């Protein structure tokens, strides 16, 4: 599956990027990701394999990554997880409902009420 962009009200969700136009590598470093470029590559490969779905939560006017959210399928259920940069918890909270709807509607997953504030 190709990555799907989501509008979450004030926030814009897109696939992670690390190319000559946009790079999420510095922001992922701020979130504590050890090898951000490798993380971007594996997140995009996981979209293709449909084993993990990861979005950058961005400021719409700049495209800057301020949080990461994802859902990891496990049979018919999905684990929802994410982490925000300092000061951007509201963006992560807003994206939770939109990603849950996508996981349930487009992927047919039952998303648990529990939300893990981490990066997977």
N, C-alpha and C. Protein backbone atom coordinates (compact mmCIF):
# COMPACT_ATOMS: atom_id res chain seq x y z
N UNK A 1 0.85 -1.17 0.00
CA UNK A 1 0.00 0.00 0.00
C UNK A 1 0.90 1.24 0.00
N UNK A 2 0.50 2.23 -0.76
CA UNK A 2 1.19 3.51 -0.76
C UNK A 2 0.78 4.31 0.47
N UNK A 3 1.67 5.13 1.02
CA UNK A 3 1.29 5.97 2.17
C UNK A 3 0.09 6.86 1.85
N UNK A 4 -0.75 7.03 2.83
CA UNK A 4 -1.97 7.83 2.70
C UNK A 4 -1.82 9.10 3.54
N UNK A 5 -2.09 10.24 2.92
CA UNK A 5 -2.07 11.51 3.65
C UNK A 5 -3.42 11.69 4.34
N UNK A 6 -3.37 12.30 5.54
CA UNK A 6 -4.59 12.50 6.32
C UNK A 6 -4.63 13.95 6.79
N UNK A 7 -5.80 14.55 6.70
CA UNK A 7 -6.02 15.87 7.27
C UNK A 7 -6.63 15.65 8.65
N UNK A 8 -5.96 16.13 9.68
CA UNK A 8 -6.44 15.98 11.06
C UNK A 8 -6.77 17.35 11.63
N UNK A 9 -7.66 18.06 10.95
CA UNK A 9 -8.03 19.39 11.42
C UNK A 9 -6.91 20.38 11.17
N UNK A 10 -6.32 20.86 12.22
CA UNK A 10 -5.25 21.84 12.14
C UNK A 10 -3.95 21.22 11.62
N UNK A 11 -3.83 19.92 11.71
CA UNK A 11 -2.57 19.24 11.42
C UNK A 11 -2.67 18.40 10.15
N UNK A 12 -1.53 18.21 9.54
CA UNK A 12 -1.42 17.48 8.29
C UNK A 12 -0.55 16.25 8.55
N UNK A 13 -1.01 15.06 8.16
CA UNK A 13 -0.27 13.83 8.34
C UNK A 13 0.19 13.32 6.98
N UNK A 14 1.45 12.96 6.90
CA UNK A 14 2.04 12.46 5.66
C UNK A 14 3.07 11.39 6.00
N UNK A 15 3.54 10.69 4.98
CA UNK A 15 4.60 9.70 5.16
C UNK A 15 5.88 10.41 5.61
N UNK A 16 6.72 9.67 6.29
CA UNK A 16 8.03 10.21 6.67
C UNK A 16 8.88 10.41 5.43
N UNK A 17 9.76 11.42 5.48
CA UNK A 17 10.60 11.72 4.31
C UNK A 17 12.03 12.01 4.74
N UNK A 18 12.93 11.66 3.85
CA UNK A 18 14.35 12.00 4.01
C UNK A 18 14.93 12.08 2.60
N UNK A 19 14.64 13.18 1.95
CA UNK A 19 15.13 13.35 0.58
C UNK A 19 15.67 14.77 0.42
N UNK A 20 15.96 15.16 -0.80
CA UNK A 20 16.56 16.47 -1.03
C UNK A 20 15.57 17.62 -0.91
N UNK A 21 14.28 17.32 -0.84
CA UNK A 21 13.27 18.38 -0.68
C UNK A 21 12.81 18.54 0.76
N UNK A 22 12.54 17.42 1.43
CA UNK A 22 12.08 17.44 2.82
C UNK A 22 12.80 16.33 3.57
N UNK A 23 13.30 16.66 4.75
CA UNK A 23 13.88 15.62 5.59
C UNK A 23 13.34 15.72 7.01
N UNK A 24 12.90 14.58 7.51
CA UNK A 24 12.40 14.50 8.88
C UNK A 24 13.49 14.03 9.85
N UNK A 25 14.69 13.80 9.34
CA UNK A 25 15.77 13.26 10.14
C UNK A 25 16.07 14.11 11.38
N UNK A 26 16.25 15.44 11.27
CA UNK A 26 16.54 16.23 12.48
C UNK A 26 15.42 16.17 13.52
N UNK A 27 14.17 16.23 13.07
CA UNK A 27 13.04 16.19 14.00
C UNK A 27 12.93 14.82 14.66
N UNK A 28 13.21 13.75 13.93
CA UNK A 28 13.19 12.41 14.52
C UNK A 28 14.29 12.27 15.57
N UNK A 29 15.41 12.91 15.34
CA UNK A 29 16.48 12.91 16.35
C UNK A 29 16.00 13.57 17.63
N UNK A 30 15.25 14.67 17.50
CA UNK A 30 14.70 15.34 18.68
C UNK A 30 13.72 14.46 19.44
N UNK A 31 13.10 13.53 18.74
CA UNK A 31 12.16 12.60 19.37
C UNK A 31 12.86 11.38 19.96
N UNK A 32 14.19 11.31 19.81
CA UNK A 32 14.95 10.21 20.41
C UNK A 32 15.17 9.01 19.52
N UNK A 33 14.90 9.14 18.23
CA UNK A 33 15.14 8.03 17.31
C UNK A 33 16.65 7.95 17.06
N UNK A 34 17.23 6.78 17.32
CA UNK A 34 18.68 6.61 17.22
C UNK A 34 19.24 6.74 15.81
N UNK A 35 18.62 6.12 14.86
CA UNK A 35 19.05 6.16 13.45
C UNK A 35 17.90 6.67 12.60
N UNK A 36 17.69 7.99 12.60
CA UNK A 36 16.51 8.55 11.94
C UNK A 36 16.38 8.22 10.45
N UNK A 37 17.47 8.25 9.71
CA UNK A 37 17.38 7.95 8.28
C UNK A 37 16.96 6.50 8.07
N UNK A 38 17.50 5.58 8.87
CA UNK A 38 17.10 4.18 8.78
C UNK A 38 15.64 4.01 9.19
N UNK A 39 15.20 4.78 10.18
CA UNK A 39 13.82 4.71 10.64
C UNK A 39 12.86 5.13 9.52
N UNK A 40 13.20 6.18 8.80
CA UNK A 40 12.37 6.65 7.67
C UNK A 40 12.29 5.54 6.61
N UNK A 41 13.42 4.96 6.28
CA UNK A 41 13.44 3.90 5.26
C UNK A 41 12.61 2.70 5.70
N UNK A 42 12.75 2.28 6.95
CA UNK A 42 11.98 1.11 7.40
C UNK A 42 10.49 1.43 7.51
N UNK A 43 10.15 2.66 7.91
CA UNK A 43 8.73 3.04 7.99
C UNK A 43 8.09 3.01 6.60
N UNK A 44 8.80 3.48 5.61
CA UNK A 44 8.27 3.46 4.25
C UNK A 44 8.18 2.04 3.69
N UNK A 45 9.16 1.20 4.01
CA UNK A 45 9.10 -0.21 3.59
C UNK A 45 7.92 -0.92 4.26
N UNK A 46 7.64 -0.55 5.50
CA UNK A 46 6.52 -1.16 6.22
C UNK A 46 5.18 -0.78 5.62
N UNK A 47 5.06 0.41 5.03
CA UNK A 47 3.84 0.76 4.30
C UNK A 47 3.65 -0.24 3.15
N UNK A 48 4.72 -0.46 2.40
CA UNK A 48 4.65 -1.39 1.26
C UNK A 48 4.24 -2.79 1.71
N UNK A 49 4.80 -3.24 2.84
CA UNK A 49 4.52 -4.58 3.35
C UNK A 49 3.23 -4.63 4.18
N UNK A 50 2.68 -3.46 4.49
CA UNK A 50 1.47 -3.33 5.32
C UNK A 50 1.65 -3.96 6.70
N UNK A 51 2.85 -3.75 7.26
CA UNK A 51 3.15 -4.29 8.60
C UNK A 51 3.19 -3.20 9.67
N UNK A 52 3.31 -1.96 9.25
CA UNK A 52 3.30 -0.81 10.18
C UNK A 52 3.00 0.41 9.34
N UNK A 53 2.16 1.29 9.88
CA UNK A 53 1.76 2.50 9.17
C UNK A 53 2.16 3.69 10.02
N UNK A 54 3.08 4.51 9.50
CA UNK A 54 3.66 5.61 10.27
C UNK A 54 3.43 6.93 9.53
N UNK A 55 3.02 7.95 10.29
CA UNK A 55 2.82 9.28 9.73
C UNK A 55 3.65 10.30 10.49
N UNK A 56 4.10 11.29 9.76
CA UNK A 56 4.65 12.51 10.35
C UNK A 56 3.47 13.45 10.56
N UNK A 57 3.32 13.96 11.76
CA UNK A 57 2.31 14.99 12.03
C UNK A 57 3.02 16.31 11.83
N UNK A 58 2.50 17.11 10.91
CA UNK A 58 3.22 18.30 10.46
C UNK A 58 2.43 19.59 10.62
N UNK A 59 3.18 20.67 10.69
CA UNK A 59 2.60 22.00 10.60
C UNK A 59 2.27 22.19 9.11
N UNK A 60 1.01 22.46 8.77
CA UNK A 60 0.62 22.51 7.35
C UNK A 60 1.37 23.54 6.51
N UNK A 61 1.69 24.67 7.09
CA UNK A 61 2.31 25.74 6.29
C UNK A 61 3.79 25.49 6.01
N UNK A 62 4.46 24.68 6.83
CA UNK A 62 5.89 24.46 6.65
C UNK A 62 6.25 23.01 6.34
N UNK A 63 5.37 22.07 6.68
CA UNK A 63 5.68 20.66 6.51
C UNK A 63 6.58 20.10 7.58
N UNK A 64 6.91 20.92 8.60
CA UNK A 64 7.81 20.49 9.67
C UNK A 64 7.17 19.42 10.54
N UNK A 65 7.91 18.32 10.76
CA UNK A 65 7.45 17.24 11.62
C UNK A 65 7.48 17.69 13.07
N UNK A 66 6.34 17.57 13.74
CA UNK A 66 6.27 17.93 15.16
C UNK A 66 5.91 16.72 16.03
N UNK A 67 5.46 15.65 15.38
CA UNK A 67 5.12 14.42 16.10
C UNK A 67 5.08 13.28 15.10
N UNK A 68 5.09 12.07 15.64
CA UNK A 68 4.98 10.86 14.83
C UNK A 68 3.84 10.04 15.42
N UNK A 69 3.03 9.46 14.55
CA UNK A 69 1.95 8.58 15.00
C UNK A 69 1.91 7.38 14.07
N UNK A 70 1.50 6.26 14.63
CA UNK A 70 1.42 5.06 13.80
C UNK A 70 0.47 4.04 14.37
N UNK A 71 0.19 3.07 13.55
CA UNK A 71 -0.61 1.92 13.97
C UNK A 71 0.10 0.67 13.46
N UNK A 72 0.23 -0.30 14.36
CA UNK A 72 0.86 -1.56 14.03
C UNK A 72 -0.19 -2.66 14.08
N UNK A 73 -0.48 -3.30 12.95
CA UNK A 73 -1.47 -4.38 12.94
C UNK A 73 -0.99 -5.61 13.71
N UNK A 74 -1.94 -6.26 14.36
CA UNK A 74 -1.69 -7.53 15.03
C UNK A 74 -2.95 -8.35 14.85
N UNK A 75 -2.98 -9.12 13.76
CA UNK A 75 -4.21 -9.83 13.42
C UNK A 75 -5.28 -8.84 13.00
N UNK A 76 -6.44 -8.91 13.65
CA UNK A 76 -7.54 -8.00 13.32
C UNK A 76 -7.54 -6.74 14.18
N UNK A 77 -6.56 -6.62 15.06
CA UNK A 77 -6.49 -5.43 15.89
C UNK A 77 -5.27 -4.59 15.50
N UNK A 78 -5.23 -3.38 16.02
CA UNK A 78 -4.12 -2.49 15.73
C UNK A 78 -3.70 -1.73 16.97
N UNK A 79 -2.40 -1.66 17.18
CA UNK A 79 -1.86 -0.89 18.30
C UNK A 79 -1.55 0.52 17.81
N UNK A 80 -2.15 1.50 18.46
CA UNK A 80 -1.94 2.90 18.13
C UNK A 80 -0.86 3.47 19.04
N UNK A 81 0.10 4.16 18.47
CA UNK A 81 1.21 4.70 19.24
C UNK A 81 1.68 6.02 18.63
N UNK A 82 2.41 6.79 19.40
CA UNK A 82 2.94 8.04 18.88
C UNK A 82 3.71 8.82 19.92
N UNK A 83 4.40 9.83 19.43
CA UNK A 83 5.19 10.68 20.32
C UNK A 83 5.29 12.07 19.71
N UNK A 84 5.17 13.08 20.56
CA UNK A 84 5.23 14.48 20.09
C UNK A 84 6.49 15.16 20.62
N UNK A 85 6.97 16.11 19.84
CA UNK A 85 8.03 16.97 20.33
C UNK A 85 7.47 17.83 21.45
N UNK A 86 8.34 18.34 22.28
CA UNK A 86 7.91 19.15 23.42
C UNK A 86 7.04 20.31 22.94
N UNK A 87 5.88 20.45 23.58
CA UNK A 87 4.96 21.53 23.26
C UNK A 87 3.92 21.19 22.20
N UNK A 88 3.95 19.96 21.67
CA UNK A 88 3.04 19.61 20.58
C UNK A 88 2.14 18.42 20.91
N UNK A 89 1.86 18.18 22.17
CA UNK A 89 0.97 17.07 22.55
C UNK A 89 -0.41 17.23 21.95
N UNK A 90 -0.90 18.46 21.79
CA UNK A 90 -2.23 18.67 21.21
C UNK A 90 -2.31 18.16 19.77
N UNK A 91 -1.22 18.26 19.03
CA UNK A 91 -1.21 17.74 17.65
C UNK A 91 -1.32 16.22 17.65
N UNK A 92 -0.61 15.58 18.56
CA UNK A 92 -0.68 14.13 18.67
C UNK A 92 -2.07 13.69 19.08
N UNK A 93 -2.66 14.39 20.04
CA UNK A 93 -4.02 14.07 20.47
C UNK A 93 -5.02 14.22 19.33
N UNK A 94 -4.88 15.27 18.54
CA UNK A 94 -5.80 15.50 17.42
C UNK A 94 -5.65 14.42 16.34
N UNK A 95 -4.43 13.97 16.12
CA UNK A 95 -4.19 12.97 15.08
C UNK A 95 -4.68 11.58 15.48
N UNK A 96 -4.79 11.33 16.76
CA UNK A 96 -5.19 10.01 17.25
C UNK A 96 -6.54 9.59 16.68
N UNK A 97 -7.52 10.46 16.72
CA UNK A 97 -8.84 10.12 16.21
C UNK A 97 -8.81 9.88 14.70
N UNK A 98 -8.09 10.70 13.97
CA UNK A 98 -8.02 10.56 12.51
C UNK A 98 -7.34 9.25 12.11
N UNK A 99 -6.26 8.90 12.77
CA UNK A 99 -5.55 7.67 12.45
C UNK A 99 -6.38 6.45 12.87
N UNK A 100 -7.07 6.55 13.99
CA UNK A 100 -7.95 5.45 14.41
C UNK A 100 -9.04 5.20 13.37
N UNK A 101 -9.64 6.28 12.86
CA UNK A 101 -10.68 6.14 11.83
C UNK A 101 -10.11 5.49 10.56
N UNK A 102 -8.90 5.91 10.17
CA UNK A 102 -8.27 5.32 8.99
C UNK A 102 -8.01 3.83 9.22
N UNK A 103 -7.45 3.49 10.36
CA UNK A 103 -7.12 2.09 10.66
C UNK A 103 -8.38 1.23 10.66
N UNK A 104 -9.44 1.75 11.21
CA UNK A 104 -10.68 0.98 11.28
C UNK A 104 -11.39 0.93 9.92
N UNK A 105 -11.49 2.06 9.24
CA UNK A 105 -12.22 2.12 7.98
C UNK A 105 -11.46 1.56 6.79
N UNK A 106 -10.22 1.94 6.63
CA UNK A 106 -9.46 1.53 5.45
C UNK A 106 -8.73 0.21 5.63
N UNK A 107 -8.29 -0.07 6.86
CA UNK A 107 -7.51 -1.28 7.09
C UNK A 107 -8.33 -2.40 7.74
N UNK A 108 -9.52 -2.06 8.23
CA UNK A 108 -10.36 -3.06 8.87
C UNK A 108 -9.85 -3.53 10.22
N UNK A 109 -9.06 -2.70 10.88
CA UNK A 109 -8.51 -3.07 12.18
C UNK A 109 -9.38 -2.55 13.32
N UNK A 110 -9.38 -3.25 14.41
CA UNK A 110 -10.01 -2.79 15.64
C UNK A 110 -8.90 -2.15 16.47
N UNK A 111 -9.00 -0.85 16.66
CA UNK A 111 -7.96 -0.12 17.38
C UNK A 111 -8.31 -0.07 18.85
N UNK A 112 -7.38 -0.51 19.67
CA UNK A 112 -7.58 -0.53 21.12
C UNK A 112 -7.67 0.89 21.66
N UNK A 113 -8.38 1.05 22.75
CA UNK A 113 -8.52 2.35 23.41
C UNK A 113 -7.18 2.83 23.93
N UNK A 114 -6.31 1.89 24.30
CA UNK A 114 -5.01 2.24 24.88
C UNK A 114 -4.10 2.87 23.81
N UNK A 115 -3.45 3.96 24.18
CA UNK A 115 -2.54 4.67 23.29
C UNK A 115 -1.16 4.70 23.95
N UNK A 116 -0.15 4.23 23.27
CA UNK A 116 1.20 4.20 23.80
C UNK A 116 1.96 5.43 23.32
N UNK A 117 2.51 6.20 24.24
CA UNK A 117 3.28 7.40 23.88
C UNK A 117 4.75 7.01 23.71
N UNK A 118 5.01 6.39 22.58
CA UNK A 118 6.35 5.96 22.24
C UNK A 118 6.46 5.90 20.72
N UNK A 119 7.62 5.60 20.22
CA UNK A 119 7.82 5.41 18.78
C UNK A 119 8.18 3.96 18.57
N UNK A 120 7.51 3.36 17.63
CA UNK A 120 7.76 1.94 17.31
C UNK A 120 8.36 1.82 15.93
